[in-house]
Amino acid sequence: MKTVATLCGLFFSVAATAHHTRDHMMLAEDAGQVVAATREGANGPLWWILWLLLALVLLLGFVRWWQRRT
């Protein structure tokens, strides 16, 4: 389960990694452009999959806890 969570985290952080590895030229850019690019990356089309996976992991953890309790 930890492996799946780690792989999901790595998969969804690719955009952030690509944004920050341009030889740190981000500091030379206009602040408004940096903020706009960051907000654009935060609204990616695959974020709903991340939230769905998180809800699934929490649901599975709850079901497992409930079964041990009974």
Protein backbone atom coordinates (compact mmCIF):
# COMPACT_ATOMS: atom_id res chain seq x y z
CA MET A 1 0.00 0.00 0.00
CA LYS A 2 2.88 2.35 0.76
CA THR A 3 4.34 1.60 -2.65
CA VAL A 4 1.09 2.53 -4.39
CA ALA A 5 0.84 5.78 -2.42
CA THR A 6 4.46 6.62 -3.21
CA LEU A 7 4.02 5.94 -6.92
CA CYS A 8 0.87 8.09 -7.01
CA GLY A 9 2.72 10.91 -5.28
CA LEU A 10 5.57 10.68 -7.75
CA PHE A 11 3.21 10.55 -10.71
CA PHE A 12 1.31 13.67 -9.64
CA SER A 13 4.45 15.63 -8.77
CA VAL A 14 5.96 15.40 -12.26
CA ALA A 15 4.54 18.80 -13.26
CA ALA A 16 5.99 20.44 -10.16
CA THR A 17 9.36 18.80 -10.76
CA ALA A 18 9.41 19.96 -14.37
CA HIS A 19 8.56 23.48 -13.28
CA HIS A 20 11.36 23.67 -10.72
CA THR A 21 14.20 22.07 -12.66
CA ARG A 22 14.72 24.76 -15.27
CA ASP A 23 18.06 25.76 -13.74
CA HIS A 24 16.15 27.76 -11.14
CA MET A 25 15.36 30.41 -13.73
CA MET A 26 12.02 30.79 -11.99
CA LEU A 27 13.54 33.56 -9.88
CA ALA A 28 14.31 35.56 -13.02
CA GLU A 29 10.72 35.33 -14.28
CA ASP A 30 7.96 37.80 -13.59
CA ALA A 31 6.16 36.98 -10.32
CA GLY A 32 2.76 37.12 -12.01
CA GLN A 33 3.81 34.55 -14.59
CA VAL A 34 5.13 32.22 -11.89
CA VAL A 35 1.89 32.46 -9.90
CA ALA A 36 -0.22 31.87 -13.03
CA ALA A 37 1.85 28.83 -14.04
CA THR A 38 1.63 27.39 -10.53
CA ARG A 39 -2.14 27.81 -10.42
CA GLU A 40 -2.47 26.28 -13.87
CA GLY A 41 -0.51 23.23 -12.74
CA ALA A 42 -2.61 22.89 -9.59
CA ASN A 43 -5.77 22.54 -11.67
CA GLY A 44 -4.54 19.62 -13.75
CA PRO A 45 -7.05 17.22 -15.25
CA LEU A 46 -5.87 14.23 -13.22
CA TRP A 47 -6.35 15.66 -9.72
CA TRP A 48 -9.74 14.02 -9.39
CA ILE A 49 -8.00 10.64 -9.78
CA LEU A 50 -5.70 11.48 -6.87
CA TRP A 51 -8.69 12.37 -4.67
CA LEU A 52 -10.50 9.22 -5.75
CA LEU A 53 -7.47 7.08 -4.86
CA LEU A 54 -7.16 8.81 -1.51
CA ALA A 55 -10.84 8.16 -0.74
CA LEU A 56 -10.40 4.52 -1.78
CA VAL A 57 -7.38 4.05 0.50
CA LEU A 58 -9.25 5.60 3.41
CA LEU A 59 -12.30 3.43 2.71
CA LEU A 60 -10.19 0.27 2.57
CA GLY A 61 -8.48 1.22 5.83
CA PHE A 62 -11.86 1.77 7.48
CA VAL A 63 -13.21 -1.57 6.21
CA ARG A 64 -10.09 -3.37 7.45
CA TRP A 65 -10.39 -1.71 10.85
CA TRP A 66 -14.10 -2.56 11.03
CA GLN A 67 -13.46 -6.24 10.23
CA ARG A 68 -10.79 -6.54 12.94
CA ARG A 69 -13.18 -4.96 15.41
CA THR A 70 -15.95 -7.49 14.90
